[in-house]
N, C-alpha and C. Protein backbone atom coordinates (compact mmCIF):
# COMPACT_ATOMS: atom_id res chain seq x y z
N MET A 1 5.86 11.89 -6.51
CA MET A 1 4.86 11.52 -7.65
C MET A 1 4.38 10.38 -7.96
N ARG A 2 5.30 9.65 -8.09
CA ARG A 2 4.69 8.22 -8.11
C ARG A 2 3.70 7.58 -6.73
N ARG A 3 3.94 8.36 -5.84
CA ARG A 3 3.25 8.30 -4.31
C ARG A 3 1.76 8.62 -4.66
N PHE A 4 1.76 9.71 -5.63
CA PHE A 4 0.35 10.66 -5.28
C PHE A 4 -0.22 9.65 -6.55
N LEU A 5 0.22 8.99 -7.65
CA LEU A 5 -0.50 8.50 -8.53
C LEU A 5 -1.16 7.08 -8.09
N ILE A 6 0.06 6.44 -7.49
CA ILE A 6 -0.91 4.88 -7.13
C ILE A 6 -1.54 5.20 -5.94
N ALA A 7 -1.79 6.81 -5.14
CA ALA A 7 -2.74 6.96 -4.13
C ALA A 7 -4.17 7.37 -4.60
N LEU A 8 -4.08 8.05 -6.36
CA LEU A 8 -4.86 8.47 -6.93
C LEU A 8 -6.03 7.03 -7.71
N LEU A 9 -4.58 6.46 -8.36
CA LEU A 9 -5.11 4.71 -8.51
C LEU A 9 -6.40 3.83 -7.55
N GLY A 10 -5.55 4.08 -6.26
CA GLY A 10 -6.05 3.93 -5.51
C GLY A 10 -7.62 4.31 -5.38
N TYR A 11 -7.86 5.54 -5.05
CA TYR A 11 -8.86 5.97 -4.85
C TYR A 11 -9.54 5.63 -6.12
N LEU A 12 -9.80 6.16 -6.81
CA LEU A 12 -10.66 5.59 -8.07
C LEU A 12 -11.25 3.88 -8.17
N SER A 13 -9.93 3.27 -7.98
CA SER A 13 -9.89 1.87 -8.24
C SER A 13 -11.55 1.68 -6.89
N PHE A 14 -10.79 2.02 -5.34
CA PHE A 14 -11.77 1.43 -4.52
C PHE A 14 -13.14 2.40 -4.96
N ALA A 15 -12.91 3.49 -5.05
CA ALA A 15 -14.65 4.24 -5.33
C ALA A 15 -15.36 3.47 -6.26
N PHE A 16 -14.98 3.02 -7.47
CA PHE A 16 -15.13 2.38 -8.09
C PHE A 16 -16.22 1.12 -8.26
N ALA A 17 -14.91 0.25 -7.29
CA ALA A 17 -15.70 -1.04 -6.57
C ALA A 17 -16.86 -0.84 -5.42
N GLY A 18 -16.84 0.40 -4.51
CA GLY A 18 -17.15 0.46 -3.75
C GLY A 18 -18.70 0.95 -4.27
N TYR A 19 -19.02 1.89 -5.51
CA TYR A 19 -20.14 2.00 -5.93
C TYR A 19 -20.50 0.82 -6.51
N TRP A 20 -20.30 -0.06 -6.93
CA TRP A 20 -20.68 -0.99 -7.83
C TRP A 20 -21.28 -2.38 -6.40
N MET A 21 -20.66 -2.31 -5.21
CA MET A 21 -20.76 -3.23 -4.49
C MET A 21 -22.02 -2.49 -3.68
N ILE A 22 -22.30 -1.67 -3.70
CA ILE A 22 -23.17 -1.42 -2.49
C ILE A 22 -24.93 -1.16 -3.69
N GLU A 23 -24.35 -1.11 -5.50
CA GLU A 23 -25.26 -1.24 -5.81
C GLU A 23 -26.07 -2.22 -5.81
N LEU A 24 -24.75 -3.56 -5.86
CA LEU A 24 -25.00 -4.38 -6.33
C LEU A 24 -26.01 -5.70 -4.54
N PHE A 25 -25.52 -4.57 -3.44
CA PHE A 25 -25.89 -5.79 -2.20
C PHE A 25 -26.64 -4.55 -1.26
N SER A 26 -27.38 -3.36 -1.62
CA SER A 26 -27.53 -2.88 -0.69
C SER A 26 -29.32 -3.18 -0.98
N ASP A 27 -30.17 -3.22 0.08
CA ASP A 27 -30.96 -3.69 0.35
C ASP A 27 -31.85 -2.34 0.20
N ASN A 28 -31.78 -1.22 0.07
CA ASN A 28 -32.54 -0.26 0.10
C ASN A 28 -32.50 0.23 -1.05
N ALA A 29 -34.07 0.38 -1.29
CA ALA A 29 -34.64 0.38 -2.56
C ALA A 29 -34.87 2.19 -2.89
N PHE A 30 -35.33 2.57 -2.36
CA PHE A 30 -35.52 4.02 -1.87
C PHE A 30 -34.40 5.00 -3.29
N ASP A 31 -33.18 5.27 -2.18
CA ASP A 31 -32.14 5.98 -2.58
C ASP A 31 -30.83 5.25 -2.93
N ARG A 32 -31.21 4.21 -3.41
CA ARG A 32 -29.71 3.15 -3.70
C ARG A 32 -28.50 3.71 -4.29
N SER A 33 -28.84 4.65 -5.26
CA SER A 33 -27.67 5.48 -6.14
C SER A 33 -27.16 6.54 -5.53
N PRO A 34 -27.99 7.73 -4.69
CA PRO A 34 -27.30 7.94 -4.05
C PRO A 34 -26.14 7.84 -3.06
N GLU A 35 -27.15 6.98 -2.55
CA GLU A 35 -26.57 5.70 -1.06
C GLU A 35 -25.09 5.65 -1.80
N ALA A 36 -24.86 4.71 -2.58
CA ALA A 36 -23.72 4.13 -3.39
C ALA A 36 -23.08 5.15 -3.63
N SER A 37 -23.18 6.34 -4.51
CA SER A 37 -22.69 7.18 -4.77
C SER A 37 -21.75 8.66 -3.31
N MET A 38 -22.48 8.10 -3.01
CA MET A 38 -22.16 8.81 -1.56
C MET A 38 -20.95 8.39 -0.79
N THR A 39 -21.17 6.87 -0.62
CA THR A 39 -20.63 6.34 0.21
C THR A 39 -19.19 5.90 -0.27
N SER A 40 -19.22 5.91 -1.58
CA SER A 40 -17.92 5.58 -2.46
C SER A 40 -16.97 6.51 -2.68
N VAL A 41 -17.93 7.93 -2.62
CA VAL A 41 -16.82 9.22 -2.80
C VAL A 41 -16.48 9.76 -1.27
N PHE A 42 -17.61 9.35 -0.92
CA PHE A 42 -16.66 9.76 0.58
C PHE A 42 -16.11 9.23 1.70
N VAL A 43 -16.00 7.58 1.32
CA VAL A 43 -15.58 6.84 3.35
C VAL A 43 -15.01 5.65 1.73
N ILE A 44 -15.37 4.86 1.14
CA ILE A 44 -14.83 4.17 0.55
C ILE A 44 -13.58 4.55 0.10
N GLY A 45 -13.78 5.29 -0.99
CA GLY A 45 -12.97 6.20 -1.81
C GLY A 45 -11.41 6.55 -1.34
N PRO A 46 -11.79 7.76 -0.36
CA PRO A 46 -10.30 7.82 0.53
C PRO A 46 -9.77 6.82 1.14
N GLY A 47 -10.54 5.53 1.90
CA GLY A 47 -9.63 4.67 2.71
C GLY A 47 -8.80 3.98 0.93
N GLY A 48 -9.18 3.81 0.10
CA GLY A 48 -8.31 3.43 -0.75
C GLY A 48 -7.14 4.38 -1.04
N ALA A 49 -7.53 5.38 -0.75
CA ALA A 49 -6.59 6.79 -1.19
C ALA A 49 -5.54 6.18 -0.16
N ILE A 50 -6.01 6.01 1.15
CA ILE A 50 -4.65 6.00 2.47
C ILE A 50 -4.20 4.61 2.15
N ILE A 51 -4.87 3.67 1.18
CA ILE A 51 -4.05 2.62 1.08
C ILE A 51 -3.38 2.19 -0.16
N GLY A 52 -3.64 3.10 -0.74
CA GLY A 52 -2.68 3.53 -2.04
C GLY A 52 -1.45 4.34 -1.62
N PHE A 53 -1.43 5.13 -1.10
CA PHE A 53 -0.35 6.24 -0.42
C PHE A 53 0.65 5.22 0.03
N ILE A 54 -0.14 4.34 1.51
CA ILE A 54 0.74 3.56 2.26
C ILE A 54 1.59 2.22 0.99
N ALA A 55 0.99 1.80 0.08
CA ALA A 55 0.99 0.79 -0.93
C ALA A 55 2.98 2.16 -1.90
N GLY A 56 2.33 3.09 -2.57
CA GLY A 56 3.48 4.16 -3.26
C GLY A 56 4.01 4.28 -2.03
N VAL A 57 4.22 4.44 -1.15
CA VAL A 57 5.77 4.83 -0.16
C VAL A 57 6.26 3.44 0.52
N VAL A 58 5.65 2.18 0.38
CA VAL A 58 6.24 0.87 0.40
C VAL A 58 6.91 0.20 -0.89
N LEU A 59 6.44 0.98 -2.34
CA LEU A 59 6.60 0.02 -3.61
C LEU A 59 7.52 1.30 -4.33
N GLY A 60 7.48 2.77 -3.76
CA GLY A 60 8.32 3.72 -4.32
C GLY A 60 9.55 3.69 -4.44
N GLY A 61 10.13 3.11 -3.34
CA GLY A 61 11.65 3.41 -3.07
C GLY A 61 12.07 4.31 -2.29
N SER A 62 13.29 4.28 -2.19
CA SER A 62 13.69 5.33 -1.52
C SER A 62 14.01 6.49 -2.22
N THR A 63 14.29 7.62 -2.47
CA THR A 63 13.98 8.91 -3.22
C THR A 63 15.23 9.83 -2.14
N ASN A 64 16.33 9.86 -2.41
CA ASN A 64 17.56 10.34 -1.39
C ASN A 64 18.11 11.61 -2.07
N HIS A 65 17.42 12.75 -2.44
CA HIS A 65 17.73 13.77 -3.09
C HIS A 65 19.43 14.59 -2.40
N PHE A 66 19.74 14.18 -1.25
CA PHE A 66 20.89 14.56 -0.72
C PHE A 66 22.00 13.70 -0.93
N ALA A 67 22.08 12.72 -1.62
CA ALA A 67 22.87 11.62 -1.73
C ALA A 67 24.01 12.03 -2.36
N GLY A 68 24.03 13.09 -3.31
CA GLY A 68 25.43 13.44 -3.93
C GLY A 68 25.45 15.04 -3.57
N ALA A 69 24.87 15.19 -2.91
CA ALA A 69 25.20 16.75 -2.76
C ALA A 69 26.05 17.27 -2.07
N SER A 70 26.77 18.62 -2.91
CA SER A 70 27.60 18.73 -2.72
C SER A 70 27.96 20.46 -1.20
N TYR A 71 28.46 20.47 -0.39
CA TYR A 71 27.93 21.92 0.06
C TYR A 71 28.57 22.52 0.25
N GLY A 72 29.82 22.83 -0.72
CA GLY A 72 30.79 23.82 -1.02
C GLY A 72 32.49 23.17 -0.71
N PRO A 73 32.53 24.32 -1.78
CA PRO A 73 34.07 23.84 -0.83
C PRO A 73 34.82 23.07 0.41
N PRO A 74 35.31 22.28 0.27
CA PRO A 74 36.41 21.82 1.55
C PRO A 74 36.20 22.55 2.83
N ASP A 75 37.18 23.75 1.94
CA ASP A 75 38.05 24.59 3.04
C ASP A 75 36.41 26.07 3.28
N ARG A 76 35.63 25.68 2.87
CA ARG A 76 34.13 26.44 3.46
C ARG A 76 33.59 25.83 4.09
N ASN A 77 33.92 24.54 4.26
CA ASN A 77 32.50 23.56 4.98
C ASN A 77 32.66 24.04 6.32
N PRO A 78 31.73 24.56 7.08
CA PRO A 78 31.95 24.46 8.41
C PRO A 78 31.69 23.24 9.16
N LEU A 79 30.48 22.16 8.38
CA LEU A 79 30.87 21.09 8.92
C LEU A 79 32.33 19.65 9.20
N ARG A 80 33.31 20.27 8.60
CA ARG A 80 34.71 19.81 8.14
C ARG A 80 35.53 20.68 9.23
N PRO A 81 36.31 19.34 10.30
CA PRO A 81 36.94 20.02 11.17
C PRO A 81 38.24 21.15 10.72
N GLN A 82 38.28 20.82 9.34
CA GLN A 82 39.58 21.36 8.94
C GLN A 82 39.20 23.10 8.25
N ALA A 83 38.01 23.57 8.43
CA ALA A 83 37.14 24.90 8.32
C ALA A 83 37.64 25.38 9.26
N LEU A 84 37.69 24.74 10.36
CA LEU A 84 37.59 25.55 11.60
C LEU A 84 38.76 25.68 12.23
N GLY A 85 40.03 24.81 11.27
CA GLY A 85 41.13 25.33 11.86
C GLY A 85 41.67 24.20 13.20
N ARG A 86 40.75 23.16 13.12
CA ARG A 86 41.29 22.17 14.21
C ARG A 86 41.98 21.13 13.69
């Protein structure tokens, strides 16, 4: 869940920053606002989401759900040699 939230934050921050940068630096005077919105939503925002997801994987830590898992009683566990009579 944390990785998804970091990716969402990356998408929103990159899309906002991309919109602002295109509005500020674009020489296009005819349709600057649609250019900025489309580019930020469909190009810069997803790039930020990918970067945010990678940052979430790196910063999210390990989530090993099987660390303390029990696989049943020792006598019925097929992974143990004692259960097979060996």
